[in-house]
Amino acid sequence: MRMYLISDNVDTYTGMRLAGVNGVVIHSREHLKQQLDFVLGDKTIGVVLITEKLSAEFPDIINDVKLNRKLPLIVEIPDRHGTGRKPDFITSYVNEAIGIKI
C-alpha cells in the first residue's frame, strides 16, 4: 500500500514529493471531492495524508470518509505554518478521555 497527499499548499506537496509521496494541491471543495473519489477508487492507496487546514475547512467531507470507510486511513498533518492545535492538546485529550488531570 502506498501513501497519497492532499494538500492546500505547494510547500507541503514539494516536501512530500521529495520523500517519494505522490499527491495533489487543491483549493476548492469540488476538487477535494474529485481527489477523494480518485483515492477511494485506487485500491493501492492505503494512507491519505491531508493538511490540517484543509481538513478543518471541509470537515463534513473528510469525516464522511473517516466514518464510513476502513481504507484508506486518513491522517491529518500540519503544514509549513505549523499545527492548528493548542500547545497542550495531548494533555487536554487525555484529560477529556479518562477524566484525570495530568
N, C-alpha and C. Protein backbone atom coordinates (compact mmCIF):
# COMPACT_ATOMS: atom_id res chain seq x y z
N MET A 1 0.84 -1.18 0.00
CA MET A 1 0.00 0.00 0.00
C MET A 1 0.88 1.24 0.00
N ARG A 2 0.34 2.26 -0.59
CA ARG A 2 1.12 3.49 -0.67
C ARG A 2 0.36 4.66 -0.08
N MET A 3 1.10 5.76 0.09
CA MET A 3 0.52 6.98 0.65
C MET A 3 0.23 7.97 -0.47
N TYR A 4 -0.72 8.86 -0.21
CA TYR A 4 -1.10 9.90 -1.16
C TYR A 4 -1.38 11.17 -0.36
N LEU A 5 -0.91 12.30 -0.85
CA LEU A 5 -1.06 13.58 -0.15
C LEU A 5 -2.13 14.44 -0.82
N ILE A 6 -3.01 15.00 0.00
CA ILE A 6 -3.93 16.03 -0.45
C ILE A 6 -3.60 17.27 0.38
N SER A 7 -3.07 18.29 -0.29
CA SER A 7 -2.55 19.46 0.41
C SER A 7 -3.21 20.73 -0.09
N ASP A 8 -3.14 21.76 0.72
CA ASP A 8 -3.64 23.07 0.31
C ASP A 8 -2.51 24.03 -0.03
N ASN A 9 -1.25 23.56 0.08
CA ASN A 9 -0.13 24.44 -0.27
C ASN A 9 0.99 23.67 -0.97
N VAL A 10 1.72 24.40 -1.77
CA VAL A 10 2.76 23.81 -2.61
C VAL A 10 3.97 23.35 -1.79
N ASP A 11 4.27 24.04 -0.69
CA ASP A 11 5.44 23.68 0.11
C ASP A 11 5.32 22.28 0.71
N THR A 12 4.16 21.96 1.26
CA THR A 12 3.94 20.63 1.81
C THR A 12 4.01 19.59 0.70
N TYR A 13 3.39 19.90 -0.41
CA TYR A 13 3.41 19.00 -1.57
C TYR A 13 4.85 18.73 -2.02
N THR A 14 5.64 19.78 -2.12
CA THR A 14 7.03 19.63 -2.56
C THR A 14 7.84 18.78 -1.59
N GLY A 15 7.67 19.04 -0.31
CA GLY A 15 8.39 18.24 0.69
C GLY A 15 8.02 16.77 0.64
N MET A 16 6.76 16.48 0.47
CA MET A 16 6.32 15.08 0.39
C MET A 16 6.78 14.42 -0.91
N ARG A 17 6.81 15.18 -1.98
CA ARG A 17 7.32 14.63 -3.25
C ARG A 17 8.78 14.25 -3.09
N LEU A 18 9.55 15.06 -2.38
CA LEU A 18 10.96 14.73 -2.13
C LEU A 18 11.09 13.45 -1.31
N ALA A 19 10.08 13.16 -0.51
CA ALA A 19 10.09 11.94 0.30
C ALA A 19 9.49 10.75 -0.46
N GLY A 20 9.05 10.99 -1.70
CA GLY A 20 8.51 9.91 -2.52
C GLY A 20 7.01 9.71 -2.44
N VAL A 21 6.30 10.68 -1.88
CA VAL A 21 4.84 10.57 -1.75
C VAL A 21 4.18 11.39 -2.85
N ASN A 22 3.35 10.75 -3.66
CA ASN A 22 2.59 11.45 -4.69
C ASN A 22 1.44 12.19 -4.06
N GLY A 23 0.92 13.17 -4.78
CA GLY A 23 -0.20 13.91 -4.23
C GLY A 23 -0.65 15.01 -5.14
N VAL A 24 -1.44 15.90 -4.56
CA VAL A 24 -2.03 16.99 -5.32
C VAL A 24 -2.23 18.19 -4.40
N VAL A 25 -2.23 19.39 -4.99
CA VAL A 25 -2.54 20.62 -4.27
C VAL A 25 -3.92 21.06 -4.74
N ILE A 26 -4.82 21.29 -3.78
CA ILE A 26 -6.17 21.70 -4.12
C ILE A 26 -6.58 22.93 -3.32
N HIS A 27 -7.61 23.62 -3.83
CA HIS A 27 -8.08 24.83 -3.16
C HIS A 27 -9.60 24.96 -3.12
N SER A 28 -10.31 23.95 -3.64
CA SER A 28 -11.77 24.07 -3.66
C SER A 28 -12.44 22.79 -3.18
N ARG A 29 -13.67 22.93 -2.78
CA ARG A 29 -14.46 21.81 -2.29
C ARG A 29 -14.65 20.76 -3.38
N GLU A 30 -14.96 21.20 -4.58
CA GLU A 30 -15.18 20.27 -5.70
C GLU A 30 -13.92 19.49 -6.04
N HIS A 31 -12.79 20.17 -6.03
CA HIS A 31 -11.53 19.48 -6.33
C HIS A 31 -11.22 18.45 -5.24
N LEU A 32 -11.53 18.77 -3.99
CA LEU A 32 -11.33 17.81 -2.89
C LEU A 32 -12.19 16.58 -3.11
N LYS A 33 -13.46 16.77 -3.48
CA LYS A 33 -14.35 15.64 -3.74
C LYS A 33 -13.81 14.79 -4.89
N GLN A 34 -13.32 15.43 -5.95
CA GLN A 34 -12.76 14.69 -7.09
C GLN A 34 -11.56 13.86 -6.67
N GLN A 35 -10.68 14.44 -5.87
CA GLN A 35 -9.48 13.73 -5.44
C GLN A 35 -9.82 12.58 -4.50
N LEU A 36 -10.77 12.77 -3.61
CA LEU A 36 -11.17 11.69 -2.73
C LEU A 36 -11.82 10.55 -3.52
N ASP A 37 -12.60 10.88 -4.54
CA ASP A 37 -13.17 9.83 -5.40
C ASP A 37 -12.06 9.05 -6.09
N PHE A 38 -11.03 9.77 -6.55
CA PHE A 38 -9.88 9.11 -7.17
C PHE A 38 -9.19 8.18 -6.18
N VAL A 39 -8.95 8.67 -4.97
CA VAL A 39 -8.25 7.89 -3.95
C VAL A 39 -9.07 6.67 -3.56
N LEU A 40 -10.37 6.85 -3.37
CA LEU A 40 -11.23 5.74 -2.97
C LEU A 40 -11.33 4.67 -4.06
N GLY A 41 -11.13 5.08 -5.29
CA GLY A 41 -11.15 4.13 -6.40
C GLY A 41 -9.85 3.39 -6.61
N ASP A 42 -8.77 3.89 -6.04
CA ASP A 42 -7.45 3.27 -6.20
C ASP A 42 -7.15 2.40 -4.98
N LYS A 43 -7.24 1.11 -5.14
CA LYS A 43 -7.06 0.17 -4.02
C LYS A 43 -5.61 0.05 -3.57
N THR A 44 -4.67 0.65 -4.29
CA THR A 44 -3.27 0.60 -3.86
C THR A 44 -2.94 1.68 -2.85
N ILE A 45 -3.82 2.67 -2.67
CA ILE A 45 -3.60 3.75 -1.71
C ILE A 45 -4.21 3.34 -0.38
N GLY A 46 -3.35 3.22 0.65
CA GLY A 46 -3.79 2.81 1.97
C GLY A 46 -3.83 3.92 2.99
N VAL A 47 -3.05 5.00 2.74
CA VAL A 47 -2.98 6.12 3.68
C VAL A 47 -3.09 7.42 2.88
N VAL A 48 -4.00 8.27 3.31
CA VAL A 48 -4.12 9.60 2.71
C VAL A 48 -3.66 10.61 3.74
N LEU A 49 -2.65 11.37 3.39
CA LEU A 49 -2.18 12.47 4.23
C LEU A 49 -2.90 13.72 3.77
N ILE A 50 -3.50 14.44 4.72
CA ILE A 50 -4.22 15.66 4.38
C ILE A 50 -3.81 16.75 5.37
N THR A 51 -3.60 17.94 4.89
CA THR A 51 -3.18 19.02 5.79
C THR A 51 -4.32 19.37 6.75
N GLU A 52 -3.95 19.73 7.97
CA GLU A 52 -4.93 20.06 9.00
C GLU A 52 -5.84 21.21 8.56
N LYS A 53 -5.27 22.19 7.89
CA LYS A 53 -6.05 23.34 7.45
C LYS A 53 -7.14 22.91 6.47
N LEU A 54 -6.79 22.07 5.53
CA LEU A 54 -7.75 21.59 4.54
C LEU A 54 -8.83 20.74 5.20
N SER A 55 -8.42 19.91 6.13
CA SER A 55 -9.37 19.08 6.86
C SER A 55 -10.34 19.93 7.69
N ALA A 56 -9.84 21.02 8.26
CA ALA A 56 -10.69 21.91 9.05
C ALA A 56 -11.65 22.71 8.18
N GLU A 57 -11.27 22.99 6.94
CA GLU A 57 -12.13 23.74 6.03
C GLU A 57 -13.32 22.91 5.56
N PHE A 58 -13.10 21.60 5.38
CA PHE A 58 -14.15 20.73 4.83
C PHE A 58 -14.32 19.49 5.70
N PRO A 59 -14.69 19.67 6.98
CA PRO A 59 -14.77 18.52 7.88
C PRO A 59 -15.86 17.51 7.50
N ASP A 60 -16.95 17.98 6.89
CA ASP A 60 -18.02 17.06 6.52
C ASP A 60 -17.56 16.03 5.50
N ILE A 61 -16.78 16.44 4.54
CA ILE A 61 -16.28 15.53 3.51
C ILE A 61 -15.28 14.55 4.11
N ILE A 62 -14.34 15.06 4.89
CA ILE A 62 -13.30 14.22 5.48
C ILE A 62 -13.90 13.24 6.49
N ASN A 63 -14.78 13.72 7.36
CA ASN A 63 -15.38 12.85 8.37
C ASN A 63 -16.23 11.75 7.74
N ASP A 64 -16.87 12.04 6.62
CA ASP A 64 -17.65 11.01 5.93
C ASP A 64 -16.76 9.84 5.52
N VAL A 65 -15.59 10.14 4.98
CA VAL A 65 -14.67 9.07 4.59
C VAL A 65 -14.12 8.35 5.82
N LYS A 66 -13.77 9.10 6.85
CA LYS A 66 -13.23 8.50 8.08
C LYS A 66 -14.23 7.55 8.73
N LEU A 67 -15.49 7.93 8.76
CA LEU A 67 -16.50 7.16 9.47
C LEU A 67 -17.08 6.00 8.66
N ASN A 68 -17.06 6.10 7.35
CA ASN A 68 -17.74 5.10 6.53
C ASN A 68 -16.82 4.19 5.74
N ARG A 69 -15.53 4.36 5.86
CA ARG A 69 -14.58 3.53 5.10
C ARG A 69 -13.51 2.99 6.02
N LYS A 70 -13.13 1.74 5.80
CA LYS A 70 -12.00 1.18 6.54
C LYS A 70 -10.69 1.65 5.93
N LEU A 71 -10.63 1.69 4.63
CA LEU A 71 -9.46 2.17 3.91
C LEU A 71 -9.90 3.21 2.91
N PRO A 72 -9.12 4.19 2.66
CA PRO A 72 -7.80 4.46 3.21
C PRO A 72 -7.89 5.14 4.57
N LEU A 73 -6.82 5.00 5.33
CA LEU A 73 -6.68 5.70 6.60
C LEU A 73 -6.36 7.16 6.29
N ILE A 74 -7.09 8.07 6.88
CA ILE A 74 -6.84 9.50 6.67
C ILE A 74 -6.08 10.04 7.87
N VAL A 75 -4.92 10.63 7.59
CA VAL A 75 -4.05 11.18 8.63
C VAL A 75 -3.89 12.68 8.38
N GLU A 76 -4.26 13.47 9.38
CA GLU A 76 -4.12 14.92 9.28
C GLU A 76 -2.71 15.31 9.71
N ILE A 77 -2.04 16.10 8.87
CA ILE A 77 -0.68 16.52 9.15
C ILE A 77 -0.60 18.05 9.18
N PRO A 78 0.30 18.60 10.00
CA PRO A 78 0.49 20.06 9.98
C PRO A 78 1.20 20.46 8.69
N ASP A 79 0.98 21.69 8.27
CA ASP A 79 1.69 22.20 7.10
C ASP A 79 2.83 23.10 7.54
N ARG A 80 3.38 23.85 6.63
CA ARG A 80 4.55 24.69 6.95
C ARG A 80 4.26 25.76 7.98
N HIS A 81 2.99 26.06 8.20
CA HIS A 81 2.63 27.07 9.19
C HIS A 81 2.50 26.47 10.59
N GLY A 82 2.70 25.18 10.69
CA GLY A 82 2.60 24.51 11.98
C GLY A 82 1.21 23.93 12.19
N THR A 83 1.02 23.41 13.35
CA THR A 83 -0.25 22.79 13.67
C THR A 83 -1.26 23.83 14.13
N GLY A 84 -2.52 23.56 13.90
CA GLY A 84 -3.57 24.47 14.34
C GLY A 84 -4.06 24.12 15.74
N ARG A 85 -3.41 23.19 16.38
CA ARG A 85 -3.83 22.73 17.70
C ARG A 85 -3.20 23.57 18.80
N LYS A 86 -3.84 23.52 19.97
CA LYS A 86 -3.27 24.21 21.13
C LYS A 86 -1.98 23.51 21.54
N PRO A 87 -1.06 24.22 22.18
CA PRO A 87 0.19 23.60 22.59
C PRO A 87 0.01 22.41 23.54
N ASP A 88 -1.06 22.40 24.32
CA ASP A 88 -1.26 21.30 25.27
C ASP A 88 -2.38 20.36 24.81
N PHE A 89 -2.53 20.16 23.51
CA PHE A 89 -3.66 19.38 23.02
C PHE A 89 -3.60 17.92 23.46
N ILE A 90 -2.42 17.34 23.62
CA ILE A 90 -2.32 15.95 24.06
C ILE A 90 -2.79 15.82 25.50
N THR A 91 -2.34 16.72 26.37
CA THR A 91 -2.77 16.71 27.77
C THR A 91 -4.28 16.90 27.87
N SER A 92 -4.82 17.83 27.11
CA SER A 92 -6.26 18.07 27.12
C SER A 92 -7.03 16.85 26.64
N TYR A 93 -6.51 16.19 25.63
CA TYR A 93 -7.14 15.00 25.08
C TYR A 93 -7.19 13.88 26.13
N VAL A 94 -6.08 13.68 26.83
CA VAL A 94 -6.03 12.66 27.87
C VAL A 94 -6.98 13.02 29.01
N ASN A 95 -6.97 14.28 29.43
CA ASN A 95 -7.89 14.73 30.49
C ASN A 95 -9.35 14.45 30.12
N GLU A 96 -9.69 14.77 28.91
CA GLU A 96 -11.07 14.57 28.45
C GLU A 96 -11.40 13.09 28.33
N ALA A 97 -10.44 12.29 27.87
CA ALA A 97 -10.70 10.87 27.62
C ALA A 97 -10.85 10.06 28.91
N ILE A 98 -9.98 10.33 29.89
CA ILE A 98 -10.01 9.49 31.10
C ILE A 98 -10.45 10.24 32.35
N GLY A 99 -10.60 11.54 32.24
CA GLY A 99 -11.17 12.30 33.34
C GLY A 99 -10.23 12.62 34.49
N ILE A 100 -8.93 12.55 34.27
CA ILE A 100 -7.99 12.94 35.34
C ILE A 100 -7.05 14.00 34.80
N LYS A 101 -6.57 14.81 35.70
CA LYS A 101 -5.63 15.86 35.31
C LYS A 101 -4.21 15.34 35.41
N ILE A 102 -3.44 15.69 34.40
CA ILE A 102 -2.03 15.28 34.37
C ILE A 102 -1.15 16.48 34.64
